[in-house]
Structures are given as structure tokens and as C-alpha cells.
Amino acid sequence: YANTEINLSIHMDEEYFYVSLGDKGGGVS
């Protein structure tokens, strides 16, 4: 749907290990 680069980011809190994948395709409605 976007066909752009995907940025990977990592962060943590006391309970979870978060893995985020975000593109540059303008998002959804």
C-alpha cells in the first residue's frame, strides 16, 4: 500500500518490549 522505506524503532517499559514499523505512505483515513 505504501512501497516506501520502513523505519524500525525499539523501546521498552516495565512490561513490554515494543517493536515499531512505520512507512512514509501518508497513512490511512
PDB file of all heavy atoms in Angstrom:
ATOM      1  N   TYR A   1       0.801  -1.228   0.000  1.00  0.00           N
ATOM      2  CA  TYR A   1       0.000   0.000   0.000  1.00  0.00           C
ATOM      3  C   TYR A   1       0.837   1.283   0.000  1.00  0.00           C
ATOM      4  O   TYR A   1       0.355   2.328  -0.441  1.00  0.00           O
ATOM      5  CB  TYR A   1      -0.940   0.006   1.221  1.00  0.00           C
ATOM      6  CG  TYR A   1      -1.935  -1.129   1.206  1.00  0.00           C
ATOM      7  CD1 TYR A   1      -1.897  -2.121   2.182  1.00  0.00           C
ATOM      8  CD2 TYR A   1      -2.907  -1.207   0.216  1.00  0.00           C
ATOM      9  CE1 TYR A   1      -2.802  -3.163   2.172  1.00  0.00           C
ATOM     10  CE2 TYR A   1      -3.821  -2.252   0.201  1.00  0.00           C
ATOM     11  CZ  TYR A   1      -3.764  -3.229   1.179  1.00  0.00           C
ATOM     12  OH  TYR A   1      -4.659  -4.268   1.161  1.00  0.00           O
ATOM     13  N   ALA A   2       2.067   1.246   0.542  1.00  0.00           N
ATOM     14  CA  ALA A   2       2.894   2.454   0.599  1.00  0.00           C
ATOM     15  C   ALA A   2       4.111   2.356  -0.309  1.00  0.00           C
ATOM     16  O   ALA A   2       4.452   3.303  -1.020  1.00  0.00           O
ATOM     17  CB  ALA A   2       3.330   2.714   2.045  1.00  0.00           C
ATOM     18  N   ASN A   3       4.803   1.206  -0.254  1.00  0.00           N
ATOM     19  CA  ASN A   3       6.009   0.953  -1.071  1.00  0.00           C
ATOM     20  C   ASN A   3       7.071   2.030  -0.842  1.00  0.00           C
ATOM     21  O   ASN A   3       7.621   2.594  -1.783  1.00  0.00           O
ATOM     22  CB  ASN A   3       5.651   0.859  -2.553  1.00  0.00           C
ATOM     23  CG  ASN A   3       6.756   0.217  -3.366  1.00  0.00           C
ATOM     24  OD1 ASN A   3       7.587  -0.524  -2.830  1.00  0.00           O
ATOM     25  ND2 ASN A   3       6.787   0.510  -4.660  1.00  0.00           N
ATOM     26  N   THR A   4       7.327   2.332   0.419  1.00  0.00           N
ATOM     27  CA  THR A   4       8.367   3.294   0.802  1.00  0.00           C
ATOM     28  C   THR A   4       9.341   2.604   1.752  1.00  0.00           C
ATOM     29  O   THR A   4       9.169   1.426   2.103  1.00  0.00           O
ATOM     30  CB  THR A   4       7.757   4.523   1.492  1.00  0.00           C
ATOM     31  OG1 THR A   4       7.206   4.124   2.758  1.00  0.00           O
ATOM     32  CG2 THR A   4       6.680   5.160   0.633  1.00  0.00           C
ATOM     33  N   GLU A   5      10.327   3.347   2.174  1.00  0.00           N
ATOM     34  CA  GLU A   5      11.203   2.822   3.208  1.00  0.00           C
ATOM     35  C   GLU A   5      10.420   2.632   4.508  1.00  0.00           C
ATOM     36  O   GLU A   5       9.439   3.334   4.777  1.00  0.00           O
ATOM     37  CB  GLU A   5      12.370   3.787   3.446  1.00  0.00           C
ATOM     38  CG  GLU A   5      13.362   3.856   2.296  1.00  0.00           C
ATOM     39  CD  GLU A   5      14.559   4.737   2.633  1.00  0.00           C
ATOM     40  OE1 GLU A   5      14.497   5.446   3.672  1.00  0.00           O
ATOM     41  OE2 GLU A   5      15.536   4.703   1.880  1.00  0.00           O
ATOM     42  N   ILE A   6      10.882   1.687   5.317  1.00  0.00           N
ATOM     43  CA  ILE A   6      10.225   1.381   6.588  1.00  0.00           C
ATOM     44  C   ILE A   6      11.224   1.634   7.717  1.00  0.00           C
ATOM     45  O   ILE A   6      12.328   1.082   7.705  1.00  0.00           O
ATOM     46  CB  ILE A   6       9.746  -0.087   6.627  1.00  0.00           C
ATOM     47  CG1 ILE A   6       8.745  -0.350   5.495  1.00  0.00           C
ATOM     48  CG2 ILE A   6       9.112  -0.415   7.986  1.00  0.00           C
ATOM     49  CD1 ILE A   6       8.334  -1.797   5.365  1.00  0.00           C
ATOM     50  N   ASN A   7      10.820   2.480   8.637  1.00  0.00           N
ATOM     51  CA  ASN A   7      11.679   2.792   9.782  1.00  0.00           C
ATOM     52  C   ASN A   7      11.379   1.848  10.937  1.00  0.00           C
ATOM     53  O   ASN A   7      10.222   1.694  11.367  1.00  0.00           O
ATOM     54  CB  ASN A   7      11.469   4.234  10.243  1.00  0.00           C
ATOM     55  CG  ASN A   7      11.983   5.238   9.229  1.00  0.00           C
ATOM     56  OD1 ASN A   7      12.995   4.984   8.557  1.00  0.00           O
ATOM     57  ND2 ASN A   7      11.308   6.374   9.108  1.00  0.00           N
ATOM     58  N   LEU A   8      12.400   1.210  11.435  1.00  0.00           N
ATOM     59  CA  LEU A   8      12.287   0.315  12.585  1.00  0.00           C
ATOM     60  C   LEU A   8      12.735   1.074  13.837  1.00  0.00           C
ATOM     61  O   LEU A   8      13.769   1.728  13.835  1.00  0.00           O
ATOM     62  CB  LEU A   8      13.170  -0.919  12.383  1.00  0.00           C
ATOM     63  CG  LEU A   8      13.325  -1.859  13.583  1.00  0.00           C
ATOM     64  CD1 LEU A   8      11.996  -2.494  13.951  1.00  0.00           C
ATOM     65  CD2 LEU A   8      14.378  -2.924  13.285  1.00  0.00           C
ATOM     66  N   SER A   9      11.924   0.984  14.886  1.00  0.00           N
ATOM     67  CA  SER A   9      12.300   1.610  16.159  1.00  0.00           C
ATOM     68  C   SER A   9      11.960   0.662  17.299  1.00  0.00           C
ATOM     69  O   SER A   9      11.005  -0.125  17.204  1.00  0.00           O
ATOM     70  CB  SER A   9      11.581   2.955  16.352  1.00  0.00           C
ATOM     71  OG  SER A   9      10.178   2.783  16.354  1.00  0.00           O
ATOM     72  N   ILE A  10      12.753   0.757  18.385  1.00  0.00           N
ATOM     73  CA  ILE A  10      12.589  -0.138  19.534  1.00  0.00           C
ATOM     74  C   ILE A  10      12.520   0.709  20.805  1.00  0.00           C
ATOM     75  O   ILE A  10      13.291   1.668  20.963  1.00  0.00           O
ATOM     76  CB  ILE A  10      13.776  -1.114  19.654  1.00  0.00           C
ATOM     77  CG1 ILE A  10      13.994  -1.894  18.353  1.00  0.00           C
ATOM     78  CG2 ILE A  10      13.578  -2.061  20.842  1.00  0.00           C
ATOM     79  CD1 ILE A  10      12.922  -2.881  18.017  1.00  0.00           C
ATOM     80  N   HIS A  11      11.615   0.375  21.698  1.00  0.00           N
ATOM     81  CA  HIS A  11      11.620   0.965  23.039  1.00  0.00           C
ATOM     82  C   HIS A  11      10.974  -0.019  24.011  1.00  0.00           C
ATOM     83  O   HIS A  11      10.293  -0.971  23.598  1.00  0.00           O
ATOM     84  CB  HIS A  11      10.917   2.327  23.071  1.00  0.00           C
ATOM     85  CG  HIS A  11       9.446   2.261  22.794  1.00  0.00           C
ATOM     86  ND1 HIS A  11       8.912   2.134  21.533  1.00  0.00           N
ATOM     87  CD2 HIS A  11       8.383   2.326  23.657  1.00  0.00           C
ATOM     88  CE1 HIS A  11       7.600   2.130  21.592  1.00  0.00           C
ATOM     89  NE2 HIS A  11       7.255   2.246  22.873  1.00  0.00           N
ATOM     90  N   MET A  12      11.192   0.223  25.293  1.00  0.00           N
ATOM     91  CA  MET A  12      10.735  -0.707  26.331  1.00  0.00           C
ATOM     92  C   MET A  12      10.108   0.051  27.497  1.00  0.00           C
ATOM     93  O   MET A  12      10.359   1.233  27.689  1.00  0.00           O
ATOM     94  CB  MET A  12      11.924  -1.542  26.865  1.00  0.00           C
ATOM     95  CG  MET A  12      12.640  -2.371  25.827  1.00  0.00           C
ATOM     96  SD  MET A  12      14.202  -3.082  26.479  1.00  0.00           S
ATOM     97  CE  MET A  12      13.598  -3.965  27.914  1.00  0.00           C
ATOM     98  N   ASP A  13       9.270  -0.645  28.234  1.00  0.00           N
ATOM     99  CA  ASP A  13       8.825  -0.144  29.532  1.00  0.00           C
ATOM    100  C   ASP A  13       8.922  -1.302  30.523  1.00  0.00           C
ATOM    101  O   ASP A  13       9.622  -2.294  30.257  1.00  0.00           O
ATOM    102  CB  ASP A  13       7.421   0.460  29.457  1.00  0.00           C
ATOM    103  CG  ASP A  13       6.349  -0.530  29.014  1.00  0.00           C
ATOM    104  OD1 ASP A  13       6.614  -1.761  29.097  1.00  0.00           O
ATOM    105  OD2 ASP A  13       5.265  -0.112  28.590  1.00  0.00           O
ATOM    106  N   GLU A  14       8.225  -1.224  31.641  1.00  0.00           N
ATOM    107  CA  GLU A  14       8.375  -2.242  32.674  1.00  0.00           C
ATOM    108  C   GLU A  14       7.737  -3.574  32.289  1.00  0.00           C
ATOM    109  O   GLU A  14       8.061  -4.614  32.886  1.00  0.00           O
ATOM    110  CB  GLU A  14       7.746  -1.746  33.985  1.00  0.00           C
ATOM    111  CG  GLU A  14       8.462  -0.545  34.592  1.00  0.00           C
ATOM    112  CD  GLU A  14       7.808  -0.090  35.873  1.00  0.00           C
ATOM    113  OE1 GLU A  14       6.733  -0.635  36.210  1.00  0.00           O
ATOM    114  OE2 GLU A  14       8.353   0.828  36.522  1.00  0.00           O
ATOM    115  N   GLU A  15       6.821  -3.559  31.306  1.00  0.00           N
ATOM    116  CA  GLU A  15       6.098  -4.778  30.967  1.00  0.00           C
ATOM    117  C   GLU A  15       6.351  -5.276  29.550  1.00  0.00           C
ATOM    118  O   GLU A  15       6.352  -6.489  29.309  1.00  0.00           O
ATOM    119  CB  GLU A  15       4.583  -4.569  31.136  1.00  0.00           C
ATOM    120  CG  GLU A  15       4.132  -4.333  32.560  1.00  0.00           C
ATOM    121  CD  GLU A  15       2.618  -4.258  32.646  1.00  0.00           C
ATOM    122  OE1 GLU A  15       1.945  -5.257  32.311  1.00  0.00           O
ATOM    123  OE2 GLU A  15       2.112  -3.185  33.027  1.00  0.00           O
ATOM    124  N   TYR A  16       6.569  -4.332  28.608  1.00  0.00           N
ATOM    125  CA  TYR A  16       6.587  -4.727  27.202  1.00  0.00           C
ATOM    126  C   TYR A  16       7.873  -4.280  26.503  1.00  0.00           C
ATOM    127  O   TYR A  16       8.502  -3.276  26.864  1.00  0.00           O
ATOM    128  CB  TYR A  16       5.380  -4.142  26.466  1.00  0.00           C
ATOM    129  CG  TYR A  16       4.055  -4.705  26.916  1.00  0.00           C
ATOM    130  CD1 TYR A  16       3.265  -4.015  27.842  1.00  0.00           C
ATOM    131  CD2 TYR A  16       3.593  -5.924  26.423  1.00  0.00           C
ATOM    132  CE1 TYR A  16       2.050  -4.533  28.260  1.00  0.00           C
ATOM    133  CE2 TYR A  16       2.382  -6.436  26.834  1.00  0.00           C
ATOM    134  CZ  TYR A  16       1.612  -5.744  27.746  1.00  0.00           C
ATOM    135  OH  TYR A  16       0.413  -6.255  28.168  1.00  0.00           O
ATOM    136  N   PHE A  17       8.181  -5.031  25.452  1.00  0.00           N
ATOM    137  CA  PHE A  17       9.256  -4.717  24.516  1.00  0.00           C
ATOM    138  C   PHE A  17       8.582  -4.352  23.203  1.00  0.00           C
ATOM    139  O   PHE A  17       7.960  -5.186  22.556  1.00  0.00           O
ATOM    140  CB  PHE A  17      10.163  -5.939  24.338  1.00  0.00           C
ATOM    141  CG  PHE A  17      11.347  -5.706  23.455  1.00  0.00           C
ATOM    142  CD1 PHE A  17      12.570  -5.313  23.982  1.00  0.00           C
ATOM    143  CD2 PHE A  17      11.257  -5.877  22.074  1.00  0.00           C
ATOM    144  CE1 PHE A  17      13.674  -5.105  23.170  1.00  0.00           C
ATOM    145  CE2 PHE A  17      12.345  -5.667  21.260  1.00  0.00           C
ATOM    146  CZ  PHE A  17      13.562  -5.273  21.793  1.00  0.00           C
ATOM    147  N   TYR A  18       8.682  -3.059  22.801  1.00  0.00           N
ATOM    148  CA  TYR A  18       7.915  -2.551  21.665  1.00  0.00           C
ATOM    149  C   TYR A  18       8.774  -2.523  20.406  1.00  0.00           C
ATOM    150  O   TYR A  18       9.895  -1.996  20.399  1.00  0.00           O
ATOM    151  CB  TYR A  18       7.395  -1.144  21.946  1.00  0.00           C
ATOM    152  CG  TYR A  18       6.442  -1.069  23.118  1.00  0.00           C
ATOM    153  CD1 TYR A  18       6.891  -0.695  24.386  1.00  0.00           C
ATOM    154  CD2 TYR A  18       5.098  -1.365  22.949  1.00  0.00           C
ATOM    155  CE1 TYR A  18       6.026  -0.623  25.463  1.00  0.00           C
ATOM    156  CE2 TYR A  18       4.218  -1.291  24.029  1.00  0.00           C
ATOM    157  CZ  TYR A  18       4.685  -0.923  25.271  1.00  0.00           C
ATOM    158  OH  TYR A  18       3.817  -0.856  26.324  1.00  0.00           O
ATOM    159  N   VAL A  19       8.198  -3.054  19.320  1.00  0.00           N
ATOM    160  CA  VAL A  19       8.832  -3.014  18.003  1.00  0.00           C
ATOM    161  C   VAL A  19       7.891  -2.247  17.068  1.00  0.00           C
ATOM    162  O   VAL A  19       6.753  -2.665  16.845  1.00  0.00           O
ATOM    163  CB  VAL A  19       9.071  -4.433  17.449  1.00  0.00           C
ATOM    164  CG1 VAL A  19       9.739  -4.362  16.073  1.00  0.00           C
ATOM    165  CG2 VAL A  19       9.913  -5.246  18.413  1.00  0.00           C
ATOM    166  N   SER A  20       8.376  -1.109  16.548  1.00  0.00           N
ATOM    167  CA  SER A  20       7.552  -0.262  15.691  1.00  0.00           C
ATOM    168  C   SER A  20       8.088  -0.279  14.264  1.00  0.00           C
ATOM    169  O   SER A  20       9.302  -0.161  14.041  1.00  0.00           O
ATOM    170  CB  SER A  20       7.518   1.177  16.213  1.00  0.00           C
ATOM    171  OG  SER A  20       6.957   1.231  17.511  1.00  0.00           O
ATOM    172  N   LEU A  21       7.155  -0.425  13.304  1.00  0.00           N
ATOM    173  CA  LEU A  21       7.482  -0.392  11.878  1.00  0.00           C
ATOM    174  C   LEU A  21       6.589   0.652  11.230  1.00  0.00           C
ATOM    175  O   LEU A  21       5.359   0.506  11.228  1.00  0.00           O
ATOM    176  CB  LEU A  21       7.266  -1.766  11.244  1.00  0.00           C
ATOM    177  CG  LEU A  21       8.210  -2.885  11.723  1.00  0.00           C
ATOM    178  CD1 LEU A  21       7.678  -4.250  11.315  1.00  0.00           C
ATOM    179  CD2 LEU A  21       9.610  -2.670  11.167  1.00  0.00           C
ATOM    180  N   GLY A  22       7.182   1.725  10.693  1.00  0.00           N
ATOM    181  CA  GLY A  22       6.402   2.820  10.116  1.00  0.00           C
ATOM    182  C   GLY A  22       6.886   3.187   8.737  1.00  0.00           C
ATOM    183  O   GLY A  22       8.091   3.335   8.504  1.00  0.00           O
ATOM    184  N   ASP A  23       5.943   3.360   7.791  1.00  0.00           N
ATOM    185  CA  ASP A  23       6.313   3.740   6.418  1.00  0.00           C
ATOM    186  C   ASP A  23       6.081   5.231   6.221  1.00  0.00           C
ATOM    187  O   ASP A  23       5.739   5.966   7.156  1.00  0.00           O
ATOM    188  CB  ASP A  23       5.528   2.902   5.398  1.00  0.00           C
ATOM    189  CG  ASP A  23       4.012   3.020   5.581  1.00  0.00           C
ATOM    190  OD1 ASP A  23       3.526   4.159   5.797  1.00  0.00           O
ATOM    191  OD2 ASP A  23       3.309   1.989   5.495  1.00  0.00           O
ATOM    192  N   LYS A  24       6.221   5.692   4.970  1.00  0.00           N
ATOM    193  CA  LYS A  24       6.047   7.106   4.626  1.00  0.00           C
ATOM    194  C   LYS A  24       4.957   7.280   3.578  1.00  0.00           C
ATOM    195  O   LYS A  24       4.982   8.203   2.764  1.00  0.00           O
ATOM    196  CB  LYS A  24       7.370   7.665   4.069  1.00  0.00           C
ATOM    197  CG  LYS A  24       8.565   7.546   5.010  1.00  0.00           C
ATOM    198  CD  LYS A  24       8.392   8.425   6.226  1.00  0.00           C
ATOM    199  CE  LYS A  24       9.631   8.349   7.115  1.00  0.00           C
ATOM    200  NZ  LYS A  24       9.488   9.206   8.313  1.00  0.00           N
ATOM    201  N   GLY A  25       3.963   6.383   3.626  1.00  0.00           N
ATOM    202  CA  GLY A  25       2.950   6.374   2.569  1.00  0.00           C
ATOM    203  C   GLY A  25       1.745   7.255   2.810  1.00  0.00           C
ATOM    204  O   GLY A  25       0.735   7.140   2.094  1.00  0.00           O
ATOM    205  N   GLY A  26       1.770   8.129   3.793  1.00  0.00           N
ATOM    206  CA  GLY A  26       0.645   9.039   4.020  1.00  0.00           C
ATOM    207  C   GLY A  26      -0.382   8.540   5.019  1.00  0.00           C
ATOM    208  O   GLY A  26      -1.309   9.267   5.385  1.00  0.00           O
ATOM    209  N   GLY A  27      -0.277   7.283   5.453  1.00  0.00           N
ATOM    210  CA  GLY A  27      -1.199   6.757   6.458  1.00  0.00           C
ATOM    211  C   GLY A  27      -2.548   6.374   5.889  1.00  0.00           C
ATOM    212  O   GLY A  27      -2.745   6.292   4.670  1.00  0.00           O
ATOM    213  N   VAL A  28      -3.513   6.145   6.778  1.00  0.00           N
ATOM    214  CA  VAL A  28      -4.871   5.749   6.388  1.00  0.00           C
ATOM    215  C   VAL A  28      -5.855   6.806   6.875  1.00  0.00           C
ATOM    216  O   VAL A  28      -5.527   7.665   7.684  1.00  0.00           O
ATOM    217  CB  VAL A  28      -5.245   4.365   6.978  1.00  0.00           C
ATOM    218  CG1 VAL A  28      -4.277   3.294   6.481  1.00  0.00           C
ATOM    219  CG2 VAL A  28      -5.263   4.407   8.506  1.00  0.00           C
ATOM    220  N   SER A  29      -7.060   6.725   6.370  1.00  0.00           N
ATOM    221  CA  SER A  29      -8.106   7.666   6.768  1.00  0.00           C
ATOM    222  C   SER A  29      -8.406   7.516   8.260  1.00  0.00           C
ATOM    223  O   SER A  29      -8.388   6.405   8.803  1.00  0.00           O
ATOM    224  CB  SER A  29      -9.374   7.406   5.950  1.00  0.00           C
ATOM    225  OG  SER A  29     -10.477   8.089   6.491  1.00  0.00           O
TER     226      SER A  29
END
